[in-house]
Amino acid sequence: MTAENYFSIFPNPSGTNFIITRSSVLHDAYLTIYNAIGEKVYSDRFSCGEKQKEIYIKDATPGIYLIKVTTDGVIQYCKKLLKN
């Protein structure tokens, strides 16, 4: 499964908040957001059965962010988010 199939980000580009929706809810997953220089700016957890999370990033500076979702501690999916 690719990142395109595993989770989606809406809207992207984003303003103060966005929603991450994942396609598979069978396992716990961990969500981490990094800024353009690789600093972790946010982390959270998807519980088993949880399909969506709304993330508020109003205090984050505009720019490109990398969203990484890790399942089972091994499989990682990454996507870029543009914050206006």
PDB file of N, CA and C in Angstrom:
ATOM      1  N   MET A   1       0.853  -1.181   0.000  1.00  0.00           N
ATOM      2  CA  MET A   1       0.000   0.000   0.000  1.00  0.00           C
ATOM      3  C   MET A   1       0.894   1.236   0.000  1.00  0.00           C
ATOM      4  N   THR A   2       0.512   2.232  -0.765  1.00  0.00           N
ATOM      5  CA  THR A   2       1.278   3.472  -0.838  1.00  0.00           C
ATOM      6  C   THR A   2       0.666   4.519   0.081  1.00  0.00           C
ATOM      7  N   ALA A   3       1.411   5.605   0.304  1.00  0.00           N
ATOM      8  CA  ALA A   3       0.893   6.713   1.117  1.00  0.00           C
ATOM      9  C   ALA A   3      -0.375   7.278   0.495  1.00  0.00           C
ATOM     10  N   GLU A   4      -0.422   7.336  -0.844  1.00  0.00           N
ATOM     11  CA  GLU A   4      -1.610   7.848  -1.532  1.00  0.00           C
ATOM     12  C   GLU A   4      -2.850   7.042  -1.174  1.00  0.00           C
ATOM     13  N   ASN A   5      -2.678   5.746  -1.012  1.00  0.00           N
ATOM     14  CA  ASN A   5      -3.805   4.880  -0.684  1.00  0.00           C
ATOM     15  C   ASN A   5      -4.076   4.808   0.817  1.00  0.00           C
ATOM     16  N   TYR A   6      -3.050   5.014   1.642  1.00  0.00           N
ATOM     17  CA  TYR A   6      -3.212   4.812   3.076  1.00  0.00           C
ATOM     18  C   TYR A   6      -3.866   5.988   3.785  1.00  0.00           C
ATOM     19  N   PHE A   7      -3.473   7.232   3.449  1.00  0.00           N
ATOM     20  CA  PHE A   7      -4.114   8.373   4.110  1.00  0.00           C
ATOM     21  C   PHE A   7      -4.196   9.566   3.189  1.00  0.00           C
ATOM     22  N   SER A   8      -5.165  10.430   3.492  1.00  0.00           N
ATOM     23  CA  SER A   8      -5.352  11.650   2.715  1.00  0.00           C
ATOM     24  C   SER A   8      -5.364  12.846   3.646  1.00  0.00           C
ATOM     25  N   ILE A   9      -5.023  13.999   3.085  1.00  0.00           N
ATOM     26  CA  ILE A   9      -4.981  15.263   3.824  1.00  0.00           C
ATOM     27  C   ILE A   9      -5.915  16.224   3.104  1.00  0.00           C
ATOM     28  N   PHE A  10      -6.813  16.860   3.867  1.00  0.00           N
ATOM     29  CA  PHE A  10      -7.737  17.813   3.266  1.00  0.00           C
ATOM     30  C   PHE A  10      -7.974  18.971   4.223  1.00  0.00           C
ATOM     31  N   PRO A  11      -7.927  20.192   3.817  1.00  0.00           N
ATOM     32  CA  PRO A  11      -7.436  20.666   2.528  1.00  0.00           C
ATOM     33  C   PRO A  11      -5.906  20.722   2.523  1.00  0.00           C
ATOM     34  N   ASN A  12      -5.347  20.698   1.364  1.00  0.00           N
ATOM     35  CA  ASN A  12      -3.906  20.830   1.194  1.00  0.00           C
ATOM     36  C   ASN A  12      -3.672  21.575  -0.100  1.00  0.00           C
ATOM     37  N   PRO A  13      -3.267  22.831  -0.020  1.00  0.00           N
ATOM     38  CA  PRO A  13      -2.749  23.615   1.088  1.00  0.00           C
ATOM     39  C   PRO A  13      -3.804  23.884   2.165  1.00  0.00           C
ATOM     40  N   SER A  14      -3.295  24.142   3.363  1.00  0.00           N
ATOM     41  CA  SER A  14      -4.148  24.304   4.535  1.00  0.00           C
ATOM     42  C   SER A  14      -3.939  25.684   5.162  1.00  0.00           C
ATOM     43  N   GLY A  15      -4.933  26.079   5.931  1.00  0.00           N
ATOM     44  CA  GLY A  15      -4.826  27.314   6.700  1.00  0.00           C
ATOM     45  C   GLY A  15      -4.516  26.987   8.149  1.00  0.00           C
ATOM     46  N   THR A  16      -5.527  27.057   8.998  1.00  0.00           N
ATOM     47  CA  THR A  16      -5.302  26.807  10.429  1.00  0.00           C
ATOM     48  C   THR A  16      -5.573  25.378  10.848  1.00  0.00           C
ATOM     49  N   ASN A  17      -6.272  24.610  10.031  1.00  0.00           N
ATOM     50  CA  ASN A  17      -6.538  23.216  10.385  1.00  0.00           C
ATOM     51  C   ASN A  17      -6.712  22.372   9.126  1.00  0.00           C
ATOM     52  N   PHE A  18      -6.545  21.057   9.312  1.00  0.00           N
ATOM     53  CA  PHE A  18      -6.744  20.112   8.220  1.00  0.00           C
ATOM     54  C   PHE A  18      -7.181  18.785   8.814  1.00  0.00           C
ATOM     55  N   ILE A  19      -7.680  17.910   7.964  1.00  0.00           N
ATOM     56  CA  ILE A  19      -8.165  16.601   8.409  1.00  0.00           C
ATOM     57  C   ILE A  19      -7.341  15.519   7.731  1.00  0.00           C
ATOM     58  N   ILE A  20      -6.896  14.567   8.526  1.00  0.00           N
ATOM     59  CA  ILE A  20      -6.218  13.386   8.000  1.00  0.00           C
ATOM     60  C   ILE A  20      -7.203  12.227   8.105  1.00  0.00           C
ATOM     61  N   THR A  21      -7.424  11.561   6.992  1.00  0.00           N
ATOM     62  CA  THR A  21      -8.308  10.397   6.944  1.00  0.00           C
ATOM     63  C   THR A  21      -7.479   9.208   6.485  1.00  0.00           C
ATOM     64  N   ARG A  22      -7.552   8.125   7.233  1.00  0.00           N
ATOM     65  CA  ARG A  22      -6.813   6.930   6.821  1.00  0.00           C
ATOM     66  C   ARG A  22      -7.774   5.858   6.337  1.00  0.00           C
ATOM     67  N   SER A  23      -7.305   5.033   5.422  1.00  0.00           N
ATOM     68  CA  SER A  23      -8.162   4.023   4.807  1.00  0.00           C
ATOM     69  C   SER A  23      -8.242   2.748   5.632  1.00  0.00           C
ATOM     70  N   SER A  24      -7.183   2.423   6.352  1.00  0.00           N
ATOM     71  CA  SER A  24      -7.168   1.199   7.150  1.00  0.00           C
ATOM     72  C   SER A  24      -7.233   1.557   8.631  1.00  0.00           C
ATOM     73  N   VAL A  25      -8.219   1.022   9.330  1.00  0.00           N
ATOM     74  CA  VAL A  25      -8.379   1.335  10.753  1.00  0.00           C
ATOM     75  C   VAL A  25      -8.187   0.091  11.613  1.00  0.00           C
ATOM     76  N   LEU A  26      -7.523  -0.912  11.060  1.00  0.00           N
ATOM     77  CA  LEU A  26      -7.353  -2.171  11.771  1.00  0.00           C
ATOM     78  C   LEU A  26      -6.248  -2.126  12.817  1.00  0.00           C
ATOM     79  N   HIS A  27      -5.336  -1.173  12.719  1.00  0.00           N
ATOM     80  CA  HIS A  27      -4.199  -1.111  13.623  1.00  0.00           C
ATOM     81  C   HIS A  27      -4.055   0.290  14.207  1.00  0.00           C
ATOM     82  N   ASP A  28      -3.393   0.362  15.359  1.00  0.00           N
ATOM     83  CA  ASP A  28      -2.994   1.660  15.882  1.00  0.00           C
ATOM     84  C   ASP A  28      -1.995   2.265  14.902  1.00  0.00           C
ATOM     85  N   ALA A  29      -1.946   3.581  14.850  1.00  0.00           N
ATOM     86  CA  ALA A  29      -0.980   4.273  13.997  1.00  0.00           C
ATOM     87  C   ALA A  29      -0.529   5.527  14.727  1.00  0.00           C
ATOM     88  N   TYR A  30       0.666   5.962  14.438  1.00  0.00           N
ATOM     89  CA  TYR A  30       1.225   7.149  15.059  1.00  0.00           C
ATOM     90  C   TYR A  30       1.470   8.196  13.991  1.00  0.00           C
ATOM     91  N   LEU A  31       1.056   9.415  14.289  1.00  0.00           N
ATOM     92  CA  LEU A  31       1.128  10.542  13.376  1.00  0.00           C
ATOM     93  C   LEU A  31       2.174  11.515  13.901  1.00  0.00           C
ATOM     94  N   THR A  32       3.110  11.900  13.041  1.00  0.00           N
ATOM     95  CA  THR A  32       4.129  12.875  13.420  1.00  0.00           C
ATOM     96  C   THR A  32       4.236  13.889  12.297  1.00  0.00           C
ATOM     97  N   ILE A  33       4.338  15.172  12.663  1.00  0.00           N
ATOM     98  CA  ILE A  33       4.482  16.241  11.681  1.00  0.00           C
ATOM     99  C   ILE A  33       5.819  16.936  11.935  1.00  0.00           C
ATOM    100  N   TYR A  34       6.580  17.099  10.850  1.00  0.00           N
ATOM    101  CA  TYR A  34       7.895  17.739  10.907  1.00  0.00           C
ATOM    102  C   TYR A  34       7.881  18.992  10.045  1.00  0.00           C
ATOM    103  N   ASN A  35       8.610  20.028  10.488  1.00  0.00           N
ATOM    104  CA  ASN A  35       8.734  21.224   9.662  1.00  0.00           C
ATOM    105  C   ASN A  35       9.813  21.002   8.603  1.00  0.00           C
ATOM    106  N   ALA A  36      10.092  22.016   7.807  1.00  0.00           N
ATOM    107  CA  ALA A  36      11.012  21.889   6.672  1.00  0.00           C
ATOM    108  C   ALA A  36      12.452  21.604   7.089  1.00  0.00           C
ATOM    109  N   ILE A  37      12.824  21.901   8.326  1.00  0.00           N
ATOM    110  CA  ILE A  37      14.195  21.618   8.769  1.00  0.00           C
ATOM    111  C   ILE A  37      14.270  20.360   9.634  1.00  0.00           C
ATOM    112  N   GLY A  38      13.186  19.585   9.648  1.00  0.00           N
ATOM    113  CA  GLY A  38      13.205  18.286  10.312  1.00  0.00           C
ATOM    114  C   GLY A  38      12.858  18.278  11.785  1.00  0.00           C
ATOM    115  N   GLU A  39      12.379  19.400  12.323  1.00  0.00           N
ATOM    116  CA  GLU A  39      11.969  19.444  13.722  1.00  0.00           C
ATOM    117  C   GLU A  39      10.555  18.907  13.870  1.00  0.00           C
ATOM    118  N   LYS A  40      10.347  18.072  14.892  1.00  0.00           N
ATOM    119  CA  LYS A  40       9.006  17.557  15.157  1.00  0.00           C
ATOM    120  C   LYS A  40       8.169  18.686  15.751  1.00  0.00           C
ATOM    121  N   VAL A  41       7.018  18.964  15.128  1.00  0.00           N
ATOM    122  CA  VAL A  41       6.153  20.043  15.603  1.00  0.00           C
ATOM    123  C   VAL A  41       4.830  19.536  16.154  1.00  0.00           C
ATOM    124  N   TYR A  42       4.522  18.240  15.914  1.00  0.00           N
ATOM    125  CA  TYR A  42       3.248  17.687  16.380  1.00  0.00           C
ATOM    126  C   TYR A  42       3.332  16.170  16.352  1.00  0.00           C
ATOM    127  N   SER A  43       2.698  15.535  17.326  1.00  0.00           N
ATOM    128  CA  SER A  43       2.557  14.073  17.274  1.00  0.00           C
ATOM    129  C   SER A  43       1.263  13.681  17.971  1.00  0.00           C
ATOM    130  N   ASP A  44       0.685  12.590  17.522  1.00  0.00           N
ATOM    131  CA  ASP A  44      -0.570  12.087  18.065  1.00  0.00           C
ATOM    132  C   ASP A  44      -0.690  10.619  17.676  1.00  0.00           C
ATOM    133  N   ARG A  45      -1.758  10.004  18.112  1.00  0.00           N
ATOM    134  CA  ARG A  45      -1.968   8.582  17.859  1.00  0.00           C
ATOM    135  C   ARG A  45      -3.366   8.354  17.302  1.00  0.00           C
ATOM    136  N   PHE A  46      -3.463   7.498  16.293  1.00  0.00           N
ATOM    137  CA  PHE A  46      -4.737   6.973  15.823  1.00  0.00           C
ATOM    138  C   PHE A  46      -4.973   5.677  16.577  1.00  0.00           C
ATOM    139  N   SER A  47      -6.067   5.576  17.285  1.00  0.00           N
ATOM    140  CA  SER A  47      -6.413   4.316  17.941  1.00  0.00           C
ATOM    141  C   SER A  47      -6.992   3.359  16.911  1.00  0.00           C
ATOM    142  N   CYS A  48      -6.952   2.085  17.216  1.00  0.00           N
ATOM    143  CA  CYS A  48      -7.555   1.074  16.349  1.00  0.00           C
ATOM    144  C   CYS A  48      -9.030   1.449  16.158  1.00  0.00           C
ATOM    145  N   GLY A  49      -9.482   1.536  14.938  1.00  0.00           N
ATOM    146  CA  GLY A  49     -10.861   1.898  14.642  1.00  0.00           C
ATOM    147  C   GLY A  49     -11.077   3.379  14.383  1.00  0.00           C
ATOM    148  N   GLU A  50     -10.116   4.226  14.719  1.00  0.00           N
ATOM    149  CA  GLU A  50     -10.246   5.671  14.496  1.00  0.00           C
ATOM    150  C   GLU A  50      -9.828   6.004  13.067  1.00  0.00           C
ATOM    151  N   LYS A  51     -10.722   6.631  12.327  1.00  0.00           N
ATOM    152  CA  LYS A  51     -10.497   6.871  10.899  1.00  0.00           C
ATOM    153  C   LYS A  51      -9.990   8.276  10.594  1.00  0.00           C
ATOM    154  N   GLN A  52     -10.421   9.293  11.360  1.00  0.00           N
ATOM    155  CA  GLN A  52     -10.061  10.678  11.055  1.00  0.00           C
ATOM    156  C   GLN A  52      -9.528  11.406  12.275  1.00  0.00           C
ATOM    157  N   LYS A  53      -8.666  12.386  11.977  1.00  0.00           N
ATOM    158  CA  LYS A  53      -8.203  13.324  13.001  1.00  0.00           C
ATOM    159  C   LYS A  53      -8.210  14.707  12.387  1.00  0.00           C
ATOM    160  N   GLU A  54      -8.697  15.669  13.169  1.00  0.00           N
ATOM    161  CA  GLU A  54      -8.602  17.063  12.744  1.00  0.00           C
ATOM    162  C   GLU A  54      -7.449  17.682  13.514  1.00  0.00           C
ATOM    163  N   ILE A  55      -6.516  18.281  12.781  1.00  0.00           N
ATOM    164  CA  ILE A  55      -5.307  18.837  13.356  1.00  0.00           C
ATOM    165  C   ILE A  55      -5.365  20.358  13.226  1.00  0.00           C
ATOM    166  N   TYR A  56      -5.112  21.059  14.327  1.00  0.00           N
ATOM    167  CA  TYR A  56      -5.076  22.521  14.331  1.00  0.00           C
ATOM    168  C   TYR A  56      -3.630  22.973  14.360  1.00  0.00           C
ATOM    169  N   ILE A  57      -3.238  23.786  13.369  1.00  0.00           N
ATOM    170  CA  ILE A  57      -1.858  24.246  13.267  1.00  0.00           C
ATOM    171  C   ILE A  57      -1.803  25.768  13.118  1.00  0.00           C
ATOM    172  N   LYS A  58      -2.699  26.461  13.790  1.00  0.00           N
ATOM    173  CA  LYS A  58      -2.782  27.913  13.610  1.00  0.00           C
ATOM    174  C   LYS A  58      -1.506  28.625  14.033  1.00  0.00           C
ATOM    175  N   ASP A  59      -0.745  28.076  14.978  1.00  0.00           N
ATOM    176  CA  ASP A  59       0.470  28.735  15.439  1.00  0.00           C
ATOM    177  C   ASP A  59       1.697  28.373  14.614  1.00  0.00           C
ATOM    178  N   ALA A  60       1.565  27.425  13.707  1.00  0.00           N
ATOM    179  CA  ALA A  60       2.690  27.019  12.862  1.00  0.00           C
ATOM    180  C   ALA A  60       2.951  28.078  11.794  1.00  0.00           C
ATOM    181  N   THR A  61       4.206  28.278  11.473  1.00  0.00           N
ATOM    182  CA  THR A  61       4.551  29.246  10.441  1.00  0.00           C
ATOM    183  C   THR A  61       4.212  28.688   9.068  1.00  0.00           C
ATOM    184  N   PRO A  62       3.888  29.543   8.114  1.00  0.00           N
ATOM    185  CA  PRO A  62       3.604  29.071   6.764  1.00  0.00           C
ATOM    186  C   PRO A  62       4.823  28.347   6.183  1.00  0.00           C
ATOM    187  N   GLY A  63       4.563  27.316   5.402  1.00  0.00           N
ATOM    188  CA  GLY A  63       5.652  26.579   4.780  1.00  0.00           C
ATOM    189  C   GLY A  63       5.258  25.152   4.485  1.00  0.00           C
ATOM    190  N   ILE A  64       6.269  24.330   4.218  1.00  0.00           N
ATOM    191  CA  ILE A  64       6.067  22.925   3.883  1.00  0.00           C
ATOM    192  C   ILE A  64       6.322  22.065   5.113  1.00  0.00           C
ATOM    193  N   TYR A  65       5.436  21.116   5.344  1.00  0.00           N
ATOM    194  CA  TYR A  65       5.540  20.185   6.467  1.00  0.00           C
ATOM    195  C   TYR A  65       5.463  18.763   5.933  1.00  0.00           C
ATOM    196  N   LEU A  66       6.123  17.862   6.615  1.00  0.00           N
ATOM    197  CA  LEU A  66       6.084  16.451   6.261  1.00  0.00           C
ATOM    198  C   LEU A  66       5.240  15.728   7.295  1.00  0.00           C
ATOM    199  N   ILE A  67       4.230  15.011   6.830  1.00  0.00           N
ATOM    200  CA  ILE A  67       3.365  14.231   7.718  1.00  0.00           C
ATOM    201  C   ILE A  67       3.738  12.769   7.555  1.00  0.00           C
ATOM    202  N   LYS A  68       4.105  12.141   8.666  1.00  0.00           N
ATOM    203  CA  LYS A  68       4.506  10.729   8.644  1.00  0.00           C
ATOM    204  C   LYS A  68       3.543   9.941   9.516  1.00  0.00           C
ATOM    205  N   VAL A  69       2.991   8.869   8.962  1.00  0.00           N
ATOM    206  CA  VAL A  69       2.121   7.959   9.703  1.00  0.00           C
ATOM    207  C   VAL A  69       2.840   6.613   9.764  1.00  0.00           C
ATOM    208  N   THR A  70       3.020   6.101  10.989  1.00  0.00           N
ATOM    209  CA  THR A  70       3.710   4.834  11.206  1.00  0.00           C
ATOM    210  C   THR A  70       2.732   3.828  11.785  1.00  0.00           C
ATOM    211  N   THR A  71       2.681   2.642  11.202  1.00  0.00           N
ATOM    212  CA  THR A  71       1.839   1.574  11.724  1.00  0.00           C
ATOM    213  C   THR A  71       2.717   0.409  12.135  1.00  0.00           C
ATOM    214  N   ASP A  72       2.341  -0.265  13.182  1.00  0.00           N
ATOM    215  CA  ASP A  72       3.057  -1.443  13.661  1.00  0.00           C
ATOM    216  C   ASP A  72       4.528  -1.157  13.949  1.00  0.00           C
ATOM    217  N   GLY A  73       4.888   0.117  14.103  1.00  0.00           N
ATOM    218  CA  GLY A  73       6.261   0.473  14.386  1.00  0.00           C
ATOM    219  C   GLY A  73       7.205   0.271  13.219  1.00  0.00           C
ATOM    220  N   VAL A  74       6.708  -0.154  12.077  1.00  0.00           N
ATOM    221  CA  VAL A  74       7.578  -0.478  10.953  1.00  0.00           C
ATOM    222  C   VAL A  74       7.172   0.253   9.682  1.00  0.00           C
ATOM    223  N   ILE A  75       5.931   0.104   9.270  1.00  0.00           N
ATOM    224  CA  ILE A  75       5.475   0.649   7.996  1.00  0.00           C
ATOM    225  C   ILE A  75       5.263   2.151   8.144  1.00  0.00           C
ATOM    226  N   GLN A  76       5.883   2.926   7.252  1.00  0.00           N
ATOM    227  CA  GLN A  76       5.776   4.373   7.319  1.00  0.00           C
ATOM    228  C   GLN A  76       5.239   4.923   6.003  1.00  0.00           C
ATOM    229  N   TYR A  77       4.313   5.872   6.134  1.00  0.00           N
ATOM    230  CA  TYR A  77       3.746   6.548   4.984  1.00  0.00           C
ATOM    231  C   TYR A  77       3.988   8.038   5.185  1.00  0.00           C
ATOM    232  N   CYS A  78       4.432   8.749   4.157  1.00  0.00           N
ATOM    233  CA  CYS A  78       4.737  10.177   4.274  1.00  0.00           C
ATOM    234  C   CYS A  78       4.058  10.969   3.161  1.00  0.00           C
ATOM    235  N   LYS A  79       3.624  12.161   3.526  1.00  0.00           N
ATOM    236  CA  LYS A  79       3.067  13.094   2.563  1.00  0.00           C
ATOM    237  C   LYS A  79       3.469  14.502   2.971  1.00  0.00           C
ATOM    238  N   LYS A  80       3.446  15.405   1.996  1.00  0.00           N
ATOM    239  CA  LYS A  80       3.741  16.806   2.273  1.00  0.00           C
ATOM    240  C   LYS A  80       2.456  17.583   2.482  1.00  0.00           C
ATOM    241  N   LEU A  81       2.547  18.575   3.369  1.00  0.00           N
ATOM    242  CA  LEU A  81       1.443  19.510   3.608  1.00  0.00           C
ATOM    243  C   LEU A  81       1.985  20.912   3.422  1.00  0.00           C
ATOM    244  N   LEU A  82       1.262  21.727   2.695  1.00  0.00           N
ATOM    245  CA  LEU A  82       1.622  23.136   2.537  1.00  0.00           C
ATOM    246  C   LEU A  82       0.698  23.940   3.418  1.00  0.00           C
ATOM    247  N   LYS A  83       1.288  24.715   4.349  1.00  0.00           N
ATOM    248  CA  LYS A  83       0.492  25.584   5.224  1.00  0.00           C
ATOM    249  C   LYS A  83       0.619  27.015   4.729  1.00  0.00           C
ATOM    250  N   ASN A  84      -0.528  27.643   4.477  1.00  0.00           N
ATOM    251  CA  ASN A  84      -0.561  29.054   4.040  1.00  0.00           C
ATOM    252  C   ASN A  84      -0.392  29.975   5.217  1.00  0.00           C
TER     253      ASN A  84
END
